[in-house]
């Protein structure tokens, strides 16, 4: 297995930005599928969430975040009686995706704000490095 480079502020921030982007994409996918229906409970869309993992760099002592993947929620879809719907089953039911639009919007706003904070941290680090070089 190849030796990894020590984690730096820039690599750590880049990984965190990538994790926030994954989080935001999952929430937007959930929001896009809100209100979607299926003829079966198994076929109904289930919300997804990003799973994060801590990554410790022993060489530098820094801990960063990585995306461990996506998981589907175990929330049951909403069973709704709508016999006129083209996807209704033989009993007239459709199964609606269990997506809370308000919670997804909050998730998007939180991840966007965290992303902005990470960009600001990078800009501050860059500015401090430039000031240090100028004072030499």
C-alpha atoms as a PDB file:
ATOM      1  CA  UNK A   1       0.000   0.000   0.000  1.00  0.00           C
ATOM      2  CA  UNK A   2       1.526   3.383  -0.938  1.00  0.00           C
ATOM      3  CA  UNK A   3       2.589   5.778   1.796  1.00  0.00           C
ATOM      4  CA  UNK A   4       0.158   8.697   2.146  1.00  0.00           C
ATOM      5  CA  UNK A   5       1.368  12.236   2.305  1.00  0.00           C
ATOM      6  CA  UNK A   6       0.947  13.933   5.702  1.00  0.00           C
ATOM      7  CA  UNK A   7      -2.328  15.788   6.022  1.00  0.00           C
ATOM      8  CA  UNK A   8      -2.079  19.537   5.609  1.00  0.00           C
ATOM      9  CA  UNK A   9      -4.573  22.282   6.279  1.00  0.00           C
ATOM     10  CA  UNK A  10      -5.305  22.401   2.560  1.00  0.00           C
ATOM     11  CA  UNK A  11      -5.865  18.662   2.106  1.00  0.00           C
ATOM     12  CA  UNK A  12      -7.949  18.490   5.266  1.00  0.00           C
ATOM     13  CA  UNK A  13     -10.132  21.396   4.145  1.00  0.00           C
ATOM     14  CA  UNK A  14     -10.494  19.945   0.656  1.00  0.00           C
ATOM     15  CA  UNK A  15     -11.754  16.658   2.100  1.00  0.00           C
ATOM     16  CA  UNK A  16     -14.184  18.487   4.375  1.00  0.00           C
ATOM     17  CA  UNK A  17     -15.493  20.528   1.423  1.00  0.00           C
ATOM     18  CA  UNK A  18     -15.995  17.326  -0.553  1.00  0.00           C
ATOM     19  CA  UNK A  19     -17.907  15.793   2.368  1.00  0.00           C
ATOM     20  CA  UNK A  20     -20.183  18.848   2.620  1.00  0.00           C
ATOM     21  CA  UNK A  21     -20.812  18.725  -1.117  1.00  0.00           C
ATOM     22  CA  UNK A  22     -21.822  15.051  -0.823  1.00  0.00           C
ATOM     23  CA  UNK A  23     -24.140  15.979   2.052  1.00  0.00           C
ATOM     24  CA  UNK A  24     -25.696  18.774  -0.018  1.00  0.00           C
ATOM     25  CA  UNK A  25     -26.144  16.547  -3.074  1.00  0.00           C
ATOM     26  CA  UNK A  26     -27.893  13.885  -0.981  1.00  0.00           C
ATOM     27  CA  UNK A  27     -30.312  16.465   0.428  1.00  0.00           C
ATOM     28  CA  UNK A  28     -31.055  17.923  -3.015  1.00  0.00           C
ATOM     29  CA  UNK A  29     -31.717  14.422  -4.342  1.00  0.00           C
ATOM     30  CA  UNK A  30     -34.146  13.867  -1.489  1.00  0.00           C
ATOM     31  CA  UNK A  31     -35.838  17.194  -2.175  1.00  0.00           C
ATOM     32  CA  UNK A  32     -36.112  16.389  -5.880  1.00  0.00           C
ATOM     33  CA  UNK A  33     -37.868  13.116  -5.039  1.00  0.00           C
ATOM     34  CA  UNK A  34     -40.267  14.586  -2.473  1.00  0.00           C
ATOM     35  CA  UNK A  35     -43.806  13.789  -3.441  1.00  0.00           C
ATOM     36  CA  UNK A  36     -42.850  10.996  -5.819  1.00  0.00           C
ATOM     37  CA  UNK A  37     -45.118   7.965  -5.672  1.00  0.00           C
ATOM     38  CA  UNK A  38     -44.875   4.282  -6.429  1.00  0.00           C
ATOM     39  CA  UNK A  39     -47.334   1.457  -6.799  1.00  0.00           C
ATOM     40  CA  UNK A  40     -45.445  -0.637  -4.223  1.00  0.00           C
ATOM     41  CA  UNK A  41     -43.995   0.083  -0.807  1.00  0.00           C
ATOM     42  CA  UNK A  42     -40.655  -1.411  -1.874  1.00  0.00           C
ATOM     43  CA  UNK A  43     -40.496   0.776  -4.981  1.00  0.00           C
ATOM     44  CA  UNK A  44     -41.045   4.067  -3.138  1.00  0.00           C
ATOM     45  CA  UNK A  45     -38.097   6.433  -2.900  1.00  0.00           C
ATOM     46  CA  UNK A  46     -36.328   6.444   0.475  1.00  0.00           C
ATOM     47  CA  UNK A  47     -34.284   9.472   1.572  1.00  0.00           C
ATOM     48  CA  UNK A  48     -30.497   9.121   1.533  1.00  0.00           C
ATOM     49  CA  UNK A  49     -27.934  10.542   3.948  1.00  0.00           C
ATOM     50  CA  UNK A  50     -24.190  10.964   3.714  1.00  0.00           C
ATOM     51  CA  UNK A  51     -22.182   9.039   6.294  1.00  0.00           C
ATOM     52  CA  UNK A  52     -19.031  10.714   7.551  1.00  0.00           C
ATOM     53  CA  UNK A  53     -15.956   9.086   9.037  1.00  0.00           C
ATOM     54  CA  UNK A  54     -13.067  10.593  10.973  1.00  0.00           C
ATOM     55  CA  UNK A  55      -9.650  10.162   9.439  1.00  0.00           C
ATOM     56  CA  UNK A  56      -6.662  10.547  11.770  1.00  0.00           C
ATOM     57  CA  UNK A  57      -3.284  11.397  10.281  1.00  0.00           C
ATOM     58  CA  UNK A  58      -0.708   9.997  12.678  1.00  0.00           C
ATOM     59  CA  UNK A  59       2.149  11.905  11.032  1.00  0.00           C
ATOM     60  CA  UNK A  60       0.669  15.358  11.644  1.00  0.00           C
ATOM     61  CA  UNK A  61      -1.778  14.593  14.449  1.00  0.00           C
ATOM     62  CA  UNK A  62      -4.608  16.196  12.468  1.00  0.00           C
ATOM     63  CA  UNK A  63      -8.032  14.639  12.198  1.00  0.00           C
ATOM     64  CA  UNK A  64     -10.111  15.171   9.101  1.00  0.00           C
ATOM     65  CA  UNK A  65     -13.417  14.010   7.730  1.00  0.00           C
ATOM     66  CA  UNK A  66     -14.121  11.725   4.810  1.00  0.00           C
ATOM     67  CA  UNK A  67     -17.355  10.561   3.276  1.00  0.00           C
ATOM     68  CA  UNK A  68     -18.015   6.954   4.174  1.00  0.00           C
ATOM     69  CA  UNK A  69     -20.786   6.626   1.601  1.00  0.00           C
ATOM     70  CA  UNK A  70     -24.530   7.028   1.413  1.00  0.00           C
ATOM     71  CA  UNK A  71     -27.217   5.138   3.314  1.00  0.00           C
ATOM     72  CA  UNK A  72     -30.948   4.874   2.690  1.00  0.00           C
ATOM     73  CA  UNK A  73     -33.321   5.800   5.494  1.00  0.00           C
ATOM     74  CA  UNK A  74     -35.467   3.028   6.911  1.00  0.00           C
ATOM     75  CA  UNK A  75     -38.479   5.350   7.038  1.00  0.00           C
ATOM     76  CA  UNK A  76     -41.646   3.759   5.707  1.00  0.00           C
ATOM     77  CA  UNK A  77     -43.341   5.499   2.787  1.00  0.00           C
ATOM     78  CA  UNK A  78     -46.696   7.163   3.275  1.00  0.00           C
ATOM     79  CA  UNK A  79     -49.576   4.974   2.114  1.00  0.00           C
ATOM     80  CA  UNK A  80     -52.245   7.143   0.492  1.00  0.00           C
ATOM     81  CA  UNK A  81     -55.604   6.137  -0.917  1.00  0.00           C
ATOM     82  CA  UNK A  82     -55.876   7.590  -4.438  1.00  0.00           C
ATOM     83  CA  UNK A  83     -57.719   5.157  -6.722  1.00  0.00           C
ATOM     84  CA  UNK A  84     -57.656   7.620  -9.646  1.00  0.00           C
ATOM     85  CA  UNK A  85     -53.840   7.734  -9.694  1.00  0.00           C
ATOM     86  CA  UNK A  86     -52.319   5.742 -12.610  1.00  0.00           C
ATOM     87  CA  UNK A  87     -49.844   4.043 -10.232  1.00  0.00           C
ATOM     88  CA  UNK A  88     -52.483   2.982  -7.704  1.00  0.00           C
ATOM     89  CA  UNK A  89     -52.389  -0.673  -6.719  1.00  0.00           C
ATOM     90  CA  UNK A  90     -55.435  -2.984  -6.944  1.00  0.00           C
ATOM     91  CA  UNK A  91     -56.761  -1.536  -3.648  1.00  0.00           C
ATOM     92  CA  UNK A  92     -56.337   2.063  -4.843  1.00  0.00           C
ATOM     93  CA  UNK A  93     -53.242   2.912  -2.787  1.00  0.00           C
ATOM     94  CA  UNK A  94     -50.039   4.672  -3.804  1.00  0.00           C
ATOM     95  CA  UNK A  95     -46.888   4.923  -1.707  1.00  0.00           C
ATOM     96  CA  UNK A  96     -45.363   8.387  -1.366  1.00  0.00           C
ATOM     97  CA  UNK A  97     -41.704   9.075  -0.595  1.00  0.00           C
ATOM     98  CA  UNK A  98     -41.209   9.913   3.108  1.00  0.00           C
ATOM     99  CA  UNK A  99     -39.272  13.130   2.495  1.00  0.00           C
ATOM    100  CA  UNK A 100     -39.587  16.067   4.891  1.00  0.00           C
ATOM    101  CA  UNK A 101     -39.025  19.048   2.587  1.00  0.00           C
ATOM    102  CA  UNK A 102     -38.361  21.460   5.458  1.00  0.00           C
ATOM    103  CA  UNK A 103     -35.710  19.184   6.985  1.00  0.00           C
ATOM    104  CA  UNK A 104     -34.057  18.780   3.579  1.00  0.00           C
ATOM    105  CA  UNK A 105     -33.937  22.555   3.061  1.00  0.00           C
ATOM    106  CA  UNK A 106     -32.328  22.949   6.495  1.00  0.00           C
ATOM    107  CA  UNK A 107     -29.810  20.242   5.562  1.00  0.00           C
ATOM    108  CA  UNK A 108     -28.972  22.087   2.335  1.00  0.00           C
ATOM    109  CA  UNK A 109     -28.574  25.421   4.125  1.00  0.00           C
ATOM    110  CA  UNK A 110     -26.391  23.900   6.863  1.00  0.00           C
ATOM    111  CA  UNK A 111     -24.106  22.140   4.403  1.00  0.00           C
ATOM    112  CA  UNK A 112     -23.840  25.275   2.235  1.00  0.00           C
ATOM    113  CA  UNK A 113     -22.912  27.328   5.303  1.00  0.00           C
ATOM    114  CA  UNK A 114     -20.282  24.779   6.365  1.00  0.00           C
ATOM    115  CA  UNK A 115     -18.869  24.834   2.844  1.00  0.00           C
ATOM    116  CA  UNK A 116     -18.668  28.654   3.005  1.00  0.00           C
ATOM    117  CA  UNK A 117     -16.880  28.426   6.359  1.00  0.00           C
ATOM    118  CA  UNK A 118     -14.313  26.061   4.867  1.00  0.00           C
ATOM    119  CA  UNK A 119     -13.724  28.383   1.906  1.00  0.00           C
ATOM    120  CA  UNK A 120     -13.211  31.258   4.348  1.00  0.00           C
ATOM    121  CA  UNK A 121     -10.736  29.173   6.373  1.00  0.00           C
ATOM    122  CA  UNK A 122      -8.740  28.482   3.200  1.00  0.00           C
ATOM    123  CA  UNK A 123      -8.764  32.162   2.247  1.00  0.00           C
ATOM    124  CA  UNK A 124      -7.581  33.138   5.729  1.00  0.00           C
ATOM    125  CA  UNK A 125      -4.770  30.556   5.669  1.00  0.00           C
ATOM    126  CA  UNK A 126      -3.691  31.763   2.230  1.00  0.00           C
ATOM    127  CA  UNK A 127      -3.696  35.379   3.376  1.00  0.00           C
ATOM    128  CA  UNK A 128      -1.643  34.539   6.478  1.00  0.00           C
ATOM    129  CA  UNK A 129       0.885  32.651   4.369  1.00  0.00           C
ATOM    130  CA  UNK A 130       1.197  35.585   1.978  1.00  0.00           C
ATOM    131  CA  UNK A 131       1.678  38.028   4.866  1.00  0.00           C
ATOM    132  CA  UNK A 132       4.361  35.768   6.324  1.00  0.00           C
ATOM    133  CA  UNK A 133       6.198  35.646   2.992  1.00  0.00           C
ATOM    134  CA  UNK A 134       5.995  39.432   2.604  1.00  0.00           C
ATOM    135  CA  UNK A 135       7.476  40.042   6.044  1.00  0.00           C
ATOM    136  CA  UNK A 136      10.554  37.923   5.267  1.00  0.00           C
END
